[in-house]
Amino acid sequence: MTIKQFLADLENNINPGTRGAPARRALYQHIKQTHRNHQNQLDYKQWGLRLERRGSRYSPADGFNIPLDIKRHGPSDPRRETTGRLMKMHRRLMGKIKNAPAEDLIRWRDTLHIDVARWGGHALNTYLNAYPAAKSDNCVWRGKIYQYVESTEWEKYGSRSYPRTIDRRIEIITRTGSKLLRYLDAGERAEVALNMAVKGRKNRLKKQSEKEKRAQLLHLKRGSKQIRTAYKIVEKNGELRSVFDPDFIYPLKRWVSDAPEPDHGGGIYCYETEEGAIKAAQQNEIFNDAWTNGKTLVLCQCKRRGCEIHYGNKIAVESLLISEIIQNIEMPN
């Protein structure tokens, strides 16, 4: 990757109007000006020198026309001179590049396939690998990552070995290395220790949780008028009854409704796929008890509409209609 390609990537990723855009723009302008100054210094024509440069070399301290026998070796080939100029730009720019926002460094590393460990050291690569998870967990404070670490060893007991925790600690990871903050006392919770180490982390987590809950409730209020397919397993005993609540009857080809609430607080539960419904039933103790007691369970194809809350493959819906019975579900071996 040449310096021109790097500058073009910086300019394309400024993203005006977004967070961090001023810092990215300042970094781009600084690197561009540094590159321009370096090119001007290498342009020996402005100094009135002859085109044949075999008798002179450039020195940052004394400029051009340095005798070869004093400070430099014999004439080098153009390829070596080009490599030297690139290395000089590399040394000048790396200080600024390594201090760029972590999000930009991660994007450059992943999109341009830059070997971060080579020009930034293994410490910087470790920092960038740990940054996304720490950022989502609110464990970054003033550019430092606060991480909970456990050290374990294997302890032999009889014919088996079991892991035993030796110590628990909070470490600080920076771009240049990591260091120990403190060890945790016996019985001290890791979340409490991180909240004490990272200023304002507890309040930020609380605000983030409230924001997610508000977004979820807003999604529930909007709902959806589109009718989609779902699958549900019920008990067939004259009527189609709920396995969890046998008193609740699902009329065939009639809508039943129940408003969904977060954290499994309400709604009618179903699944997006047949395989998901069958697998969930086979892993559920209530369904296994129903099979043990000789109850007949059937897989039904349904229609769903209204507000939804997704719990993986399981869905809590506002309205459900059982359209047809597909097959009987046998007890797993």
Protein backbone atom coordinates (compact mmCIF):
# COMPACT_ATOMS: atom_id res chain seq x y z
CA MET A 1 0.00 0.00 0.00
CA THR A 2 1.48 3.35 -1.05
CA ILE A 3 1.16 6.62 0.84
CA LYS A 4 -1.24 7.94 -1.85
CA GLN A 5 -3.56 4.96 -1.33
CA PHE A 6 -3.42 5.49 2.41
CA LEU A 7 -4.28 9.18 2.05
CA ALA A 8 -7.16 8.34 -0.29
CA ASP A 9 -8.54 5.86 2.25
CA LEU A 10 -8.31 8.44 5.02
CA GLU A 11 -10.14 11.03 2.93
CA ASN A 12 -12.91 8.59 1.95
CA ASN A 13 -13.51 7.56 5.57
CA ILE A 14 -13.79 11.02 7.18
CA ASN A 15 -17.62 10.73 7.13
CA PRO A 16 -18.52 14.39 7.84
CA GLY A 17 -21.24 14.93 10.41
CA THR A 18 -20.51 11.75 12.35
CA ARG A 19 -18.85 11.27 15.69
CA GLY A 20 -15.06 11.49 15.43
CA ALA A 21 -15.12 13.25 12.04
CA PRO A 22 -13.08 16.29 13.27
CA ALA A 23 -10.34 14.02 14.60
CA ARG A 24 -10.25 12.01 11.37
CA ARG A 25 -10.16 15.19 9.29
CA ALA A 26 -7.32 16.62 11.41
CA LEU A 27 -5.38 13.37 11.06
CA TYR A 28 -5.86 13.40 7.28
CA GLN A 29 -4.76 17.03 6.94
CA HIS A 30 -1.70 16.48 9.15
CA ILE A 31 -0.56 13.40 7.20
CA LYS A 32 -1.20 15.13 3.88
CA GLN A 33 0.84 18.20 4.91
CA THR A 34 3.65 16.01 6.24
CA HIS A 35 3.77 14.11 2.96
CA ARG A 36 3.79 17.39 0.98
CA ASN A 37 6.63 18.81 3.08
CA HIS A 38 8.62 15.65 2.65
CA GLN A 39 8.15 15.72 -1.13
CA ASN A 40 9.25 19.36 -1.22
CA GLN A 41 12.40 18.48 0.68
CA LEU A 42 13.15 15.66 -1.74
CA ASP A 43 12.64 17.94 -4.75
CA TYR A 44 16.26 18.98 -5.22
CA LYS A 45 15.45 21.15 -8.27
CA GLN A 46 14.23 23.99 -6.04
CA TRP A 47 17.72 24.20 -4.51
CA GLY A 48 19.33 24.79 -7.92
CA LEU A 49 21.21 21.51 -7.89
CA ARG A 50 22.31 19.63 -10.99
CA LEU A 51 20.36 16.61 -12.13
CA GLU A 52 23.37 14.36 -11.66
CA ARG A 53 23.25 13.68 -7.91
CA ARG A 54 26.14 11.24 -7.72
CA GLY A 55 28.27 13.79 -5.91
CA SER A 56 25.70 14.83 -3.31
CA ARG A 57 23.17 13.45 -0.88
CA TYR A 58 20.46 14.91 1.29
CA SER A 59 20.84 15.17 5.08
CA PRO A 60 18.04 16.40 7.43
CA ALA A 61 20.62 18.38 9.42
CA ASP A 62 22.71 19.96 6.63
CA GLY A 63 20.48 19.81 3.56
CA PHE A 64 21.93 18.82 0.17
CA ASN A 65 25.48 18.73 -1.23
CA ILE A 66 26.98 16.60 1.54
CA PRO A 67 30.22 15.02 0.37
CA LEU A 68 29.99 11.29 0.01
CA ASP A 69 33.13 10.52 1.95
CA ILE A 70 31.95 12.35 5.09
CA LYS A 71 28.46 11.21 6.03
CA ARG A 72 27.22 8.73 3.44
CA HIS A 73 28.32 5.63 1.64
CA GLY A 74 28.73 5.43 -2.11
CA PRO A 75 25.94 6.12 -4.59
CA SER A 76 22.90 3.94 -3.92
CA ASP A 77 20.51 2.59 -6.51
CA PRO A 78 17.11 4.32 -7.06
CA ARG A 79 15.24 1.40 -5.53
CA ARG A 80 17.10 1.79 -2.23
CA GLU A 81 16.50 5.54 -2.27
CA THR A 82 12.76 5.00 -2.79
CA THR A 83 12.67 2.51 0.07
CA GLY A 84 14.51 4.98 2.28
CA ARG A 85 12.00 7.75 1.53
CA LEU A 86 9.08 5.43 2.32
CA MET A 87 10.70 4.36 5.60
CA LYS A 88 11.25 8.00 6.55
CA MET A 89 7.56 8.77 5.91
CA HIS A 90 6.68 5.63 7.84
CA ARG A 91 8.61 6.83 10.91
CA ARG A 92 7.06 10.30 10.70
CA LEU A 93 3.48 9.14 10.26
CA MET A 94 3.33 6.12 12.57
CA GLY A 95 3.28 8.30 15.66
CA LYS A 96 0.12 10.00 14.46
CA ILE A 97 -1.46 6.88 13.01
CA LYS A 98 -1.06 4.82 16.20
CA ASN A 99 -2.83 7.58 18.15
CA ALA A 100 -5.83 7.58 15.80
CA PRO A 101 -9.26 6.45 17.13
CA ALA A 102 -9.40 2.71 17.76
CA GLU A 103 -12.44 2.29 15.50
CA ASP A 104 -10.47 3.72 12.55
CA LEU A 105 -7.45 1.53 13.26
CA ILE A 106 -9.64 -1.58 13.36
CA ARG A 107 -11.29 -0.63 10.05
CA TRP A 108 -7.94 0.03 8.36
CA ARG A 109 -6.55 -3.24 9.67
CA ASP A 110 -9.52 -5.30 8.52
CA THR A 111 -10.19 -3.64 5.16
CA LEU A 112 -6.61 -2.95 4.04
CA HIS A 113 -5.21 -6.14 5.64
CA ILE A 114 -2.47 -4.24 7.47
CA ASP A 115 -0.18 -6.25 9.75
CA VAL A 116 -0.72 -4.23 12.93
CA ALA A 117 1.70 -6.36 14.95
CA ARG A 118 4.48 -5.42 12.54
CA TRP A 119 4.21 -1.62 12.64
CA GLY A 120 2.43 -1.13 15.95
CA GLY A 121 3.68 -4.02 18.05
CA HIS A 122 1.80 -6.96 19.53
CA ALA A 123 0.52 -4.72 22.35
CA LEU A 124 -1.42 -2.53 19.88
CA ASN A 125 -2.83 -5.61 18.14
CA THR A 126 -3.98 -7.03 21.49
CA TYR A 127 -5.59 -3.68 22.35
CA LEU A 128 -7.51 -3.54 19.06
CA ASN A 129 -8.71 -7.15 19.44
CA ALA A 130 -10.10 -6.45 22.91
CA TYR A 131 -11.56 -3.01 22.11
CA PRO A 132 -14.95 -3.91 20.48
CA ALA A 133 -16.09 -6.20 23.33
CA ALA A 134 -14.84 -3.75 25.97
CA LYS A 135 -16.59 -0.84 24.24
CA SER A 136 -19.93 -2.67 24.18
CA ASP A 137 -19.49 -3.60 27.86
CA ASN A 138 -18.59 0.02 28.83
CA CYS A 139 -15.13 -1.00 30.06
CA VAL A 140 -13.21 1.73 28.18
CA TRP A 141 -12.23 4.88 30.08
CA ARG A 142 -9.96 7.59 28.61
CA GLY A 143 -8.68 5.22 25.96
CA LYS A 144 -7.77 2.45 28.42
CA ILE A 145 -9.45 -0.95 28.57
CA TYR A 146 -10.31 -2.31 32.03
CA GLN A 147 -10.58 -6.10 31.90
CA TYR A 148 -11.47 -8.78 34.45
CA VAL A 149 -9.00 -11.69 34.33
CA GLU A 150 -8.90 -15.04 36.13
CA SER A 151 -5.84 -17.28 36.53
CA THR A 152 -6.51 -20.99 36.95
CA GLU A 153 -4.51 -24.15 37.38
CA TRP A 154 -5.39 -27.82 37.12
CA GLU A 155 -5.61 -29.65 40.42
CA LYS A 156 -5.63 -33.44 40.50
CA TYR A 157 -8.29 -35.05 42.66
CA GLY A 158 -8.31 -38.82 42.52
CA SER A 159 -8.19 -39.93 38.89
CA ARG A 160 -9.50 -36.62 37.52
CA SER A 161 -8.23 -33.06 37.27
CA TYR A 162 -10.30 -29.96 37.96
CA PRO A 163 -9.58 -26.27 37.28
CA ARG A 164 -8.95 -24.18 40.39
CA THR A 165 -8.95 -20.38 40.44
CA ILE A 166 -5.65 -19.00 41.71
CA ASP A 167 -6.40 -15.28 41.64
CA ARG A 168 -8.85 -12.77 40.19
CA ARG A 169 -7.73 -9.33 39.11
CA ILE A 170 -8.50 -6.21 37.10
CA GLU A 171 -5.98 -5.37 34.37
CA ILE A 172 -5.55 -2.22 32.30
CA ILE A 173 -4.81 -2.72 28.59
CA THR A 174 -3.30 0.19 26.68
CA ARG A 175 -1.81 0.55 23.20
CA THR A 176 1.68 -0.04 24.55
CA GLY A 177 1.05 -2.92 26.97
CA SER A 178 -0.94 -4.10 29.96
CA LYS A 179 -0.53 -3.74 33.69
CA LEU A 180 -2.19 -4.90 36.89
CA LEU A 181 -4.66 -2.54 38.56
CA ARG A 182 -5.52 -4.61 41.65
CA TYR A 183 -6.43 -8.07 42.87
CA LEU A 184 -10.02 -8.86 43.89
CA ASP A 185 -10.80 -9.95 47.41
CA ALA A 186 -12.48 -13.27 48.16
CA GLY A 187 -16.19 -13.00 47.40
CA GLU A 188 -15.87 -9.66 45.58
CA ARG A 189 -17.94 -9.55 42.40
CA ALA A 190 -16.27 -8.72 39.09
CA GLU A 191 -19.05 -6.30 38.06
CA VAL A 192 -18.67 -4.32 41.29
CA ALA A 193 -14.90 -4.14 40.81
CA LEU A 194 -15.28 -2.92 37.21
CA ASN A 195 -17.83 -0.31 38.27
CA MET A 196 -15.33 0.97 40.83
CA ALA A 197 -12.46 1.02 38.32
CA VAL A 198 -14.31 2.60 35.36
CA LYS A 199 -15.81 5.95 36.25
CA GLY A 200 -19.53 6.21 35.46
CA ARG A 201 -19.80 2.65 34.12
CA LYS A 202 -22.77 1.73 36.34
CA ASN A 203 -24.80 4.74 35.21
CA ARG A 204 -23.92 4.18 31.55
CA LEU A 205 -25.03 0.54 31.75
CA LYS A 206 -28.27 1.62 33.40
CA LYS A 207 -28.96 4.22 30.70
CA GLN A 208 -28.11 1.69 27.98
CA SER A 209 -30.53 -0.85 29.46
CA GLU A 210 -33.30 1.76 29.70
CA LYS A 211 -32.64 2.84 26.11
CA GLU A 212 -32.91 -0.74 24.85
CA LYS A 213 -36.12 -1.27 26.81
CA ARG A 214 -37.64 1.94 25.41
CA ALA A 215 -36.72 0.87 21.88
CA GLN A 216 -38.27 -2.53 22.50
CA LEU A 217 -41.48 -1.02 23.85
CA LEU A 218 -41.60 1.40 20.91
CA HIS A 219 -41.30 -1.56 18.54
CA LEU A 220 -44.16 -3.26 20.40
CA LYS A 221 -46.39 -0.21 20.12
CA ARG A 222 -45.85 0.03 16.38
CA GLY A 223 -46.70 -3.63 15.81
CA SER A 224 -47.06 -5.13 12.37
CA LYS A 225 -50.12 -5.67 10.19
CA GLN A 226 -48.33 -8.21 8.02
CA ILE A 227 -49.45 -11.82 8.50
CA ARG A 228 -46.55 -14.29 8.73
CA THR A 229 -46.21 -18.05 9.18
CA ALA A 230 -45.39 -19.70 12.51
CA TYR A 231 -45.38 -23.16 14.10
CA LYS A 232 -46.61 -24.32 17.48
CA ILE A 233 -46.91 -27.62 19.36
CA VAL A 234 -50.13 -28.12 21.36
CA GLU A 235 -51.94 -30.98 23.10
CA LYS A 236 -54.74 -32.70 21.15
CA ASN A 237 -57.42 -33.92 23.52
CA GLY A 238 -60.73 -33.32 21.84
CA GLU A 239 -59.65 -29.70 21.64
CA LEU A 240 -56.30 -28.08 20.94
CA ARG A 241 -54.99 -27.15 24.38
CA SER A 242 -51.87 -25.39 25.59
CA VAL A 243 -49.22 -27.74 26.98
CA PHE A 244 -48.27 -25.24 29.68
CA ASP A 245 -51.86 -24.31 30.59
CA PRO A 246 -54.32 -27.15 29.69
CA ASP A 247 -57.28 -24.89 30.51
CA PHE A 248 -56.39 -22.59 27.60
CA ILE A 249 -57.98 -23.79 24.33
CA TYR A 250 -56.85 -22.76 20.84
CA PRO A 251 -59.88 -22.73 18.50
CA LEU A 252 -59.02 -24.01 15.04
CA LYS A 253 -58.86 -21.23 12.43
CA ARG A 254 -59.72 -18.48 14.94
CA TRP A 255 -57.48 -15.70 16.22
CA VAL A 256 -56.44 -15.61 19.88
CA SER A 257 -54.63 -12.62 21.34
CA ASP A 258 -52.44 -11.74 24.30
CA ALA A 259 -50.22 -8.63 24.52
CA PRO A 260 -46.50 -9.57 24.69
CA GLU A 261 -44.34 -8.11 27.44
CA PRO A 262 -40.53 -8.05 27.79
CA ASP A 263 -38.74 -10.81 29.76
CA HIS A 264 -41.41 -13.43 28.96
CA GLY A 265 -44.07 -11.31 30.63
CA GLY A 266 -46.85 -12.17 28.17
CA GLY A 267 -47.81 -13.07 24.65
CA ILE A 268 -48.51 -16.27 22.74
CA TYR A 269 -45.38 -18.28 22.07
CA CYS A 270 -44.56 -19.95 18.76
CA TYR A 271 -41.58 -20.68 16.52
CA GLU A 272 -40.43 -19.57 13.09
CA THR A 273 -39.55 -23.07 11.82
CA GLU A 274 -40.83 -26.61 12.26
CA GLU A 275 -37.40 -27.85 13.32
CA GLY A 276 -37.12 -25.14 15.96
CA ALA A 277 -40.50 -26.03 17.47
CA ILE A 278 -39.76 -29.78 17.58
CA LYS A 279 -36.26 -29.31 19.00
CA ALA A 280 -37.50 -26.91 21.71
CA ALA A 281 -40.24 -29.37 22.71
CA GLN A 282 -37.80 -32.27 22.97
CA GLN A 283 -35.54 -30.25 25.26
CA ASN A 284 -38.36 -29.00 27.53
CA GLU A 285 -39.26 -30.87 30.74
CA ILE A 286 -42.95 -29.90 30.58
CA PHE A 287 -43.29 -31.42 27.10
CA ASN A 288 -41.42 -34.54 28.23
CA ASP A 289 -43.81 -34.89 31.19
CA ALA A 290 -46.74 -34.59 28.80
CA TRP A 291 -45.35 -37.43 26.68
CA THR A 292 -44.71 -39.50 29.79
CA ASN A 293 -48.32 -39.04 30.91
CA GLY A 294 -49.55 -40.34 27.54
CA LYS A 295 -50.72 -37.04 26.10
CA THR A 296 -50.88 -36.57 22.33
CA LEU A 297 -48.86 -33.61 21.05
CA VAL A 298 -49.27 -32.26 17.53
CA LEU A 299 -47.35 -29.79 15.39
CA CYS A 300 -49.56 -27.04 13.94
CA GLN A 301 -49.02 -24.51 11.20
CA CYS A 302 -50.13 -21.05 12.32
CA LYS A 303 -50.42 -17.46 11.25
CA ARG A 304 -49.15 -14.60 13.39
CA ARG A 305 -49.59 -10.84 13.36
CA GLY A 306 -49.17 -7.79 15.57
CA CYS A 307 -46.37 -6.98 18.02
CA GLU A 308 -43.56 -9.49 18.51
CA ILE A 309 -40.67 -10.13 20.89
CA HIS A 310 -37.96 -12.49 19.66
CA TYR A 311 -36.11 -14.80 22.03
CA GLY A 312 -33.87 -16.49 19.47
CA ASN A 313 -36.02 -18.87 17.41
CA LYS A 314 -38.86 -18.51 19.93
CA ILE A 315 -41.32 -15.63 19.41
CA ALA A 316 -43.91 -14.05 21.67
CA VAL A 317 -46.66 -12.72 19.37
CA GLU A 318 -49.75 -10.62 19.95
CA SER A 319 -52.19 -12.66 17.81
CA LEU A 320 -52.03 -16.26 16.63
CA LEU A 321 -54.30 -18.41 14.45
CA ILE A 322 -53.87 -22.18 14.12
CA SER A 323 -54.64 -22.94 10.49
CA GLU A 324 -53.99 -26.69 10.30
CA ILE A 325 -52.48 -29.70 12.09
CA ILE A 326 -49.37 -30.99 10.35
CA GLN A 327 -48.37 -34.14 12.25
CA ASN A 328 -48.17 -35.90 15.58
CA ILE A 329 -44.95 -35.46 17.56
CA GLU A 330 -43.54 -38.60 19.08
CA MET A 331 -41.61 -38.75 22.33
CA PRO A 332 -37.82 -38.70 21.68
CA ASN A 333 -35.82 -41.81 22.54
